[in-house]
N, C-alpha and C. Protein backbone atom coordinates (compact mmCIF):
# COMPACT_ATOMS: atom_id res chain seq x y z
N MET A 1 63.35 39.17 64.52
CA MET A 1 62.04 38.02 65.11
C MET A 1 61.65 39.04 66.09
N SER A 2 60.08 38.86 67.23
CA SER A 2 59.91 39.47 67.63
C SER A 2 60.42 37.91 68.88
N GLN A 3 59.57 38.65 70.19
CA GLN A 3 59.96 37.82 71.44
C GLN A 3 58.98 36.71 70.94
N ALA A 4 59.15 35.60 71.30
CA ALA A 4 58.39 33.72 71.09
C ALA A 4 57.20 33.88 71.97
N VAL A 5 56.36 33.79 71.17
CA VAL A 5 54.88 33.85 71.09
C VAL A 5 54.82 32.44 73.01
N GLN A 6 53.87 32.90 73.99
CA GLN A 6 53.71 31.89 75.20
C GLN A 6 52.64 31.59 74.73
N LEU A 7 52.57 30.04 75.23
CA LEU A 7 51.56 29.13 74.78
C LEU A 7 51.09 28.31 76.18
N GLY A 8 49.26 28.23 76.85
CA GLY A 8 49.02 27.84 77.71
C GLY A 8 49.48 26.19 77.88
N ASN A 9 49.99 25.81 78.80
CA ASN A 9 49.49 23.85 79.17
C ASN A 9 48.53 23.53 78.93
N PHE A 10 47.71 23.44 77.42
CA PHE A 10 46.55 22.90 77.46
C PHE A 10 46.45 22.38 75.68
N ASN A 11 44.94 21.36 75.77
CA ASN A 11 45.11 21.15 74.27
C ASN A 11 43.95 22.25 73.30
N PHE A 12 44.80 22.59 72.58
CA PHE A 12 43.39 23.54 71.97
C PHE A 12 42.39 22.77 70.88
N ARG A 13 41.64 22.99 71.23
CA ARG A 13 40.75 21.66 70.05
C ARG A 13 39.72 23.10 69.50
N PHE A 14 40.17 23.01 68.45
CA PHE A 14 38.97 24.56 67.45
C PHE A 14 38.73 23.21 65.76
N GLU A 15 37.51 23.66 65.98
CA GLU A 15 36.93 23.39 64.74
C GLU A 15 36.47 24.70 63.67
N CYS A 16 36.63 25.36 62.93
CA CYS A 16 35.56 26.27 62.21
C CYS A 16 34.44 25.93 62.22
N GLN A 17 33.30 26.50 62.32
CA GLN A 17 31.75 26.18 61.91
C GLN A 17 31.25 26.82 60.60
N PRO A 18 30.31 25.97 60.22
CA PRO A 18 30.33 26.10 59.19
C PRO A 18 29.32 26.97 59.05
N ALA A 19 29.37 27.83 58.63
CA ALA A 19 27.93 29.47 58.30
C ALA A 19 28.23 30.49 59.79
N CYS A 20 29.45 30.77 60.27
CA CYS A 20 30.08 30.99 61.69
C CYS A 20 30.24 32.42 61.38
N THR A 21 30.17 33.21 61.32
CA THR A 21 31.24 33.96 61.16
C THR A 21 30.88 35.19 62.32
N ASN A 22 30.83 34.64 63.62
CA ASN A 22 30.85 35.25 64.94
C ASN A 22 32.56 36.04 65.01
N CYS A 23 33.50 35.46 64.88
CA CYS A 23 34.70 36.11 64.16
C CYS A 23 34.23 37.36 63.94
N CYS A 24 33.84 37.70 63.04
CA CYS A 24 33.45 38.52 61.62
C CYS A 24 32.67 39.77 62.79
N THR A 25 32.15 39.04 62.86
CA THR A 25 30.95 40.60 63.92
C THR A 25 30.71 40.69 65.09
N GLY A 26 32.00 40.68 65.52
CA GLY A 26 32.32 40.77 67.45
C GLY A 26 32.91 42.13 67.41
N ALA A 27 33.09 42.76 67.81
CA ALA A 27 34.10 44.33 68.41
C ALA A 27 35.73 43.67 68.22
N GLY A 28 35.13 44.93 67.86
CA GLY A 28 36.87 45.16 68.44
C GLY A 28 37.87 45.92 65.98
N GLU A 29 38.76 45.82 65.95
CA GLU A 29 38.89 46.44 64.67
C GLU A 29 39.77 45.60 63.68
N VAL A 30 40.11 44.94 62.70
CA VAL A 30 40.80 44.62 61.78
C VAL A 30 42.37 45.70 61.19
N TYR A 31 42.88 45.25 61.88
CA TYR A 31 44.09 46.12 61.61
C TYR A 31 44.98 45.38 60.55
N LEU A 32 45.64 45.65 59.47
CA LEU A 32 46.05 45.48 57.81
C LEU A 32 47.72 45.74 58.12
N THR A 33 48.78 44.19 58.13
CA THR A 33 50.34 44.70 57.81
C THR A 33 50.05 45.25 56.25
N ASP A 34 51.44 45.77 55.73
CA ASP A 34 51.60 46.23 54.84
C ASP A 34 51.37 44.82 53.64
N GLU A 35 51.54 43.95 53.76
CA GLU A 35 51.51 42.56 53.24
C GLU A 35 49.76 42.33 52.79
N ASP A 36 49.55 42.52 54.18
CA ASP A 36 47.76 42.17 53.60
C ASP A 36 47.33 43.06 52.72
N VAL A 37 47.76 44.59 52.32
CA VAL A 37 47.23 45.38 52.01
C VAL A 37 47.42 45.33 50.36
N ALA A 38 48.36 44.57 50.15
CA ALA A 38 48.81 44.64 49.07
C ALA A 38 48.13 43.00 48.52
N ARG A 39 48.03 41.97 48.99
CA ARG A 39 47.20 40.94 48.71
C ARG A 39 45.50 41.32 48.69
N ILE A 40 44.91 41.78 49.43
CA ILE A 40 43.83 42.72 49.57
C ILE A 40 43.64 43.16 48.19
N ALA A 41 44.17 44.05 47.99
CA ALA A 41 43.82 44.57 46.71
C ALA A 41 44.71 44.03 45.69
N ALA A 42 45.55 43.30 45.61
CA ALA A 42 45.84 42.44 44.05
C ALA A 42 44.38 41.58 43.87
N ARG A 43 43.99 40.95 44.64
CA ARG A 43 42.57 40.15 44.88
C ARG A 43 41.26 40.78 44.45
N LEU A 44 41.15 42.11 44.46
CA LEU A 44 39.89 43.20 44.04
C LEU A 44 40.44 44.09 43.31
N ASP A 45 41.93 43.65 42.29
CA ASP A 45 42.34 43.92 41.31
C ASP A 45 42.09 45.36 41.12
N THR A 46 42.86 46.15 42.47
CA THR A 46 43.41 47.38 42.59
C THR A 46 43.87 47.82 42.45
N ALA A 47 44.61 48.76 42.67
CA ALA A 47 45.76 49.53 43.45
C ALA A 47 45.84 49.83 44.49
N ALA A 48 46.69 49.48 45.35
CA ALA A 48 46.76 49.15 46.95
C ALA A 48 46.31 50.98 47.75
N GLU A 49 47.21 52.30 46.99
CA GLU A 49 46.13 53.27 48.11
C GLU A 49 45.30 53.31 47.74
N GLU A 50 44.27 52.93 46.34
CA GLU A 50 42.83 53.15 46.36
C GLU A 50 42.49 52.24 47.30
N PHE A 51 42.48 50.89 47.52
CA PHE A 51 42.32 50.39 48.18
C PHE A 51 41.92 50.60 49.92
N GLN A 52 43.61 51.32 50.31
CA GLN A 52 43.49 51.96 51.70
C GLN A 52 42.20 53.30 51.66
N GLN A 53 42.22 54.16 50.43
CA GLN A 53 41.37 54.83 50.28
C GLN A 53 39.75 54.61 51.11
N THR A 54 39.31 53.41 49.65
CA THR A 54 38.23 53.09 50.02
C THR A 54 37.98 52.37 50.79
N TYR A 55 38.76 51.42 52.07
CA TYR A 55 38.39 50.41 52.71
C TYR A 55 38.62 50.36 54.16
N CYS A 56 39.82 51.45 54.01
CA CYS A 56 40.94 52.16 55.24
C CYS A 56 41.13 52.76 55.89
N GLU A 57 41.07 53.53 56.98
CA GLU A 57 41.62 54.13 58.05
C GLU A 57 43.11 53.79 58.67
N ARG A 58 43.43 55.52 59.63
CA ARG A 58 44.12 55.03 60.49
C ARG A 58 43.56 55.76 61.67
N ASP A 59 44.30 55.06 63.04
CA ASP A 59 43.89 54.94 64.54
C ASP A 59 44.53 56.02 64.86
N ASP A 60 44.59 56.81 66.31
CA ASP A 60 45.18 57.70 66.74
C ASP A 60 46.41 57.70 66.63
N GLY A 61 46.96 56.55 66.64
CA GLY A 61 48.44 55.59 67.09
C GLY A 61 48.82 55.98 65.16
N GLY A 62 48.13 55.72 64.42
CA GLY A 62 48.56 55.64 63.19
C GLY A 62 48.92 54.31 62.20
N GLU A 63 47.74 54.06 63.25
CA GLU A 63 48.28 52.17 62.56
C GLU A 63 46.94 52.64 61.76
N LEU A 64 47.10 51.37 60.20
CA LEU A 64 45.90 50.99 59.62
C LEU A 64 45.32 49.87 59.93
N ARG A 65 43.71 50.59 59.88
CA ARG A 65 43.01 49.42 59.24
C ARG A 65 41.74 49.69 59.09
N LEU A 66 40.62 48.45 58.43
CA LEU A 66 39.23 48.85 57.79
C LEU A 66 38.63 49.30 58.17
N THR A 67 38.30 50.15 57.75
CA THR A 67 36.77 50.98 58.41
C THR A 67 35.60 49.47 58.39
N THR A 68 34.58 50.12 59.37
CA THR A 68 33.15 49.46 59.85
C THR A 68 32.41 50.14 58.97
N PRO A 69 32.04 49.52 57.77
CA PRO A 69 30.78 50.15 57.11
C PRO A 69 29.42 49.98 57.39
N SER A 70 28.87 51.39 57.45
CA SER A 70 26.99 51.30 58.32
C SER A 70 26.53 50.54 57.56
N GLY A 71 26.03 49.46 59.01
CA GLY A 71 24.87 48.96 58.84
C GLY A 71 25.52 46.61 58.55
N LYS A 72 27.15 47.23 58.65
CA LYS A 72 27.45 45.87 58.25
C LYS A 72 28.51 45.72 58.68
N ALA A 73 29.18 44.91 59.09
CA ALA A 73 30.24 44.24 60.12
C ALA A 73 31.78 44.51 59.84
N CYS A 74 32.03 43.61 58.53
CA CYS A 74 32.87 44.36 57.48
C CYS A 74 32.28 44.72 56.35
N HIS A 75 33.02 45.02 55.46
CA HIS A 75 32.73 44.94 53.74
C HIS A 75 32.64 43.98 53.06
N PHE A 76 33.99 42.82 53.19
CA PHE A 76 34.20 42.05 53.18
C PHE A 76 33.55 41.07 53.51
N LEU A 77 31.94 40.41 53.74
CA LEU A 77 31.11 39.62 54.15
C LEU A 77 30.01 39.58 54.28
N LEU A 78 29.96 38.31 53.32
CA LEU A 78 28.58 38.03 52.55
C LEU A 78 27.80 37.74 54.07
N GLU A 79 26.71 36.60 53.52
CA GLU A 79 25.64 36.35 54.40
C GLU A 79 25.77 35.52 55.12
N GLU A 80 27.11 34.43 54.61
CA GLU A 80 27.48 33.18 55.74
C GLU A 80 29.59 33.01 55.31
N ALA A 81 29.98 34.03 54.93
CA ALA A 81 31.47 33.90 54.49
C ALA A 81 31.72 35.29 54.23
N CYS A 82 33.06 34.75 54.10
CA CYS A 82 34.01 35.76 53.10
C CYS A 82 34.05 36.59 52.12
N ALA A 83 34.26 37.47 51.50
CA ALA A 83 34.61 37.01 50.23
C ALA A 83 35.46 37.26 50.28
N ILE A 84 36.32 37.40 50.67
CA ILE A 84 38.40 37.67 50.54
C ILE A 84 38.97 36.22 51.56
N HIS A 85 38.11 35.97 50.98
CA HIS A 85 38.17 34.34 52.34
C HIS A 85 40.21 34.16 51.81
N ASP A 86 39.95 33.90 51.14
CA ASP A 86 41.67 33.26 50.78
C ASP A 86 43.11 34.61 50.68
N TYR A 87 42.17 35.08 51.10
CA TYR A 87 43.47 36.28 50.89
C TYR A 87 43.39 37.24 52.16
N LYS A 88 42.20 37.12 53.53
CA LYS A 88 41.90 38.00 54.05
C LYS A 88 43.29 38.57 55.15
N PRO A 89 42.78 39.59 55.90
CA PRO A 89 43.67 40.07 57.12
C PRO A 89 44.85 38.68 57.60
N VAL A 90 46.35 38.94 58.05
CA VAL A 90 46.77 38.08 59.26
C VAL A 90 45.86 38.41 60.42
N GLN A 91 45.62 39.29 61.34
CA GLN A 91 44.29 38.97 62.12
C GLN A 91 42.93 37.67 61.93
N CYS A 92 42.80 38.22 60.91
CA CYS A 92 41.98 37.28 60.67
C CYS A 92 42.42 35.81 60.69
N ARG A 93 43.09 35.49 59.81
CA ARG A 93 44.31 34.01 59.17
C ARG A 93 44.12 33.53 60.67
N THR A 94 44.59 34.06 61.25
CA THR A 94 44.88 34.23 62.97
C THR A 94 44.29 32.92 63.65
N PHE A 95 42.92 33.91 63.49
CA PHE A 95 41.94 33.71 64.10
C PHE A 95 41.03 32.28 64.54
N PRO A 96 41.15 31.70 66.25
CA PRO A 96 41.52 32.06 67.27
C PRO A 96 42.35 32.18 67.38
N PHE A 97 43.93 32.27 67.38
CA PHE A 97 45.05 31.01 67.64
C PHE A 97 45.91 32.58 67.90
N TRP A 98 45.39 33.93 68.55
CA TRP A 98 46.03 34.91 68.83
C TRP A 98 46.67 34.91 70.08
N PRO A 99 48.02 35.71 70.29
CA PRO A 99 48.81 34.91 71.46
C PRO A 99 47.75 35.59 72.67
N GLU A 100 46.24 36.40 73.28
CA GLU A 100 46.23 36.57 74.24
C GLU A 100 45.56 35.39 74.68
N ASN A 101 44.80 35.00 73.48
CA ASN A 101 43.71 33.79 73.52
C ASN A 101 44.32 32.53 74.47
N VAL A 102 45.61 32.18 73.59
CA VAL A 102 46.71 31.06 74.00
C VAL A 102 47.01 31.28 75.28
N ALA A 103 47.63 31.94 75.44
CA ALA A 103 48.34 32.48 76.42
C ALA A 103 47.90 31.32 77.87
N HIS A 104 46.27 31.76 78.27
CA HIS A 104 46.24 30.91 79.59
C HIS A 104 44.63 30.29 79.45
N ARG A 105 44.81 28.85 79.20
CA ARG A 105 43.39 27.92 79.73
C ARG A 105 41.91 29.22 79.99
N ARG A 106 41.93 30.23 80.58
CA ARG A 106 40.93 30.83 81.28
C ARG A 106 40.83 31.67 79.57
N ALA A 107 41.13 32.43 79.32
CA ALA A 107 41.27 33.11 77.71
C ALA A 107 40.82 32.17 76.94
N TRP A 108 40.82 30.97 76.43
CA TRP A 108 40.58 29.84 75.52
C TRP A 108 38.89 30.21 75.87
N LYS A 109 38.96 29.62 76.83
CA LYS A 109 37.74 29.08 77.98
C LYS A 109 36.53 30.05 77.34
N LYS A 110 36.92 31.90 78.16
CA LYS A 110 35.97 32.91 77.55
C LYS A 110 35.93 33.04 76.11
N LEU A 111 36.75 33.09 75.65
CA LEU A 111 36.51 32.55 73.60
C LEU A 111 35.22 31.86 73.98
N SER A 112 35.38 30.59 73.75
CA SER A 112 34.34 29.47 73.84
C SER A 112 33.12 30.24 74.30
N GLN A 113 32.90 31.10 74.53
CA GLN A 113 31.39 32.23 74.80
C GLN A 113 31.43 32.81 73.22
N HIS A 114 32.35 32.58 72.85
CA HIS A 114 32.01 33.87 71.35
C HIS A 114 31.85 32.81 70.41
N CYS A 115 32.68 32.25 70.43
CA CYS A 115 33.15 31.30 69.62
C CYS A 115 32.76 29.69 69.36
N PRO A 116 31.74 29.15 68.39
CA PRO A 116 31.16 27.78 68.82
C PRO A 116 32.21 27.33 68.31
N GLY A 117 33.56 27.19 67.63
CA GLY A 117 34.22 26.55 67.10
C GLY A 117 35.47 25.95 68.56
N VAL A 118 35.66 27.09 69.26
CA VAL A 118 36.39 26.64 70.30
C VAL A 118 35.65 25.55 71.24
N GLY A 119 36.80 24.79 71.25
CA GLY A 119 36.62 23.20 72.57
C GLY A 119 36.05 22.15 71.65
N VAL A 120 35.79 22.31 70.21
CA VAL A 120 35.06 21.23 69.56
C VAL A 120 35.98 20.40 69.05
N ARG A 121 36.14 18.92 68.91
CA ARG A 121 37.40 18.76 68.34
C ARG A 121 37.49 19.22 67.11
N PRO A 122 38.65 18.62 66.50
CA PRO A 122 39.31 17.69 66.90
C PRO A 122 40.70 18.62 67.53
N ILE A 123 41.68 17.97 68.45
CA ILE A 123 42.91 19.10 68.98
C ILE A 123 44.14 19.68 67.57
N VAL A 124 43.82 20.76 67.66
CA VAL A 124 44.28 21.40 66.62
C VAL A 124 46.17 20.78 67.50
N PRO A 125 47.53 20.44 66.69
CA PRO A 125 49.09 20.20 66.91
C PRO A 125 49.16 21.92 67.61
N VAL A 126 50.24 21.63 68.61
CA VAL A 126 50.18 22.86 69.18
C VAL A 126 51.45 23.32 68.32
N GLU A 127 52.11 22.97 67.56
CA GLU A 127 52.96 23.75 66.58
C GLU A 127 53.06 24.50 65.80
N GLN A 128 50.88 24.44 65.08
CA GLN A 128 49.92 25.02 64.32
C GLN A 128 49.95 26.16 65.08
N VAL A 129 48.84 25.94 66.33
CA VAL A 129 48.58 26.76 67.17
C VAL A 129 50.01 27.88 67.30
N ARG A 130 51.07 27.59 68.17
CA ARG A 130 52.11 28.37 68.24
C ARG A 130 52.95 29.27 66.76
N ALA A 131 52.42 28.74 65.45
CA ALA A 131 53.34 29.42 64.29
C ALA A 131 51.72 30.46 63.99
N ALA A 132 50.80 30.20 64.19
CA ALA A 132 49.70 31.41 63.71
C ALA A 132 49.64 31.78 65.12
N ALA A 133 49.81 31.93 66.26
CA ALA A 133 50.27 32.90 67.04
C ALA A 133 50.87 33.33 66.68
N GLN A 134 52.41 33.27 67.06
CA GLN A 134 53.73 33.91 66.27
C GLN A 134 53.85 34.69 65.24
N GLN A 135 52.92 33.97 64.28
CA GLN A 135 52.44 34.68 63.00
C GLN A 135 51.47 36.44 63.37
N CYS A 136 50.76 35.78 64.04
CA CYS A 136 50.23 36.80 64.31
C CYS A 136 50.33 38.31 64.95
N GLN A 137 51.47 37.81 66.24
CA GLN A 137 52.59 38.28 66.83
C GLN A 137 53.40 39.51 66.54
N ASP A 138 53.81 38.77 65.69
CA ASP A 138 54.69 39.87 64.68
C ASP A 138 54.18 40.49 63.83
N ALA A 139 52.83 40.17 63.90
CA ALA A 139 52.52 40.92 62.44
C ALA A 139 51.52 42.54 63.44
N GLY A 140 51.88 42.48 64.62
CA GLY A 140 51.56 43.40 65.83
C GLY A 140 49.67 42.99 65.15
N ALA A 141 49.15 41.95 64.77
CA ALA A 141 47.81 42.07 64.26
C ALA A 141 46.79 41.19 65.02
N SER A 142 47.12 41.42 66.53
CA SER A 142 45.35 40.75 67.21
C SER A 142 45.04 41.49 68.35
N ALA A 143 43.56 41.57 68.89
CA ALA A 143 43.08 42.77 68.95
C ALA A 143 43.40 43.23 70.51
N GLY A 144 44.31 42.25 71.04
CA GLY A 144 45.03 42.88 72.60
C GLY A 144 45.87 43.34 72.28
């Protein structure tokens, strides 16, 4: 297991907002774990290798990420939702609780400029925030 994720000492208020896709349309790359590839490929009823050939590329460091389709933010983003919501990558599932977002109040507050669900009730239990951030860190899947 990797080093324990660090959390800032403040309340994490977050509630995903209906029809918001800001997390999907912002700048950055979506990196995939082997488990992500297997899960999404199974959902799409295709082989993992075919999924990778169709939807993925390797970055300069050899890490696997989704390609960005021409004219769209993501292959799986529909008008107001994710077509693979229940199968989406760790990086997507753990947003906004990425280690770099939860370590300092300043980062969390800055995130609220792009994510309308940050700062909205209810307070998310710190155990839930820690688990999501740790999962993201262990997968190496955050944007930072």
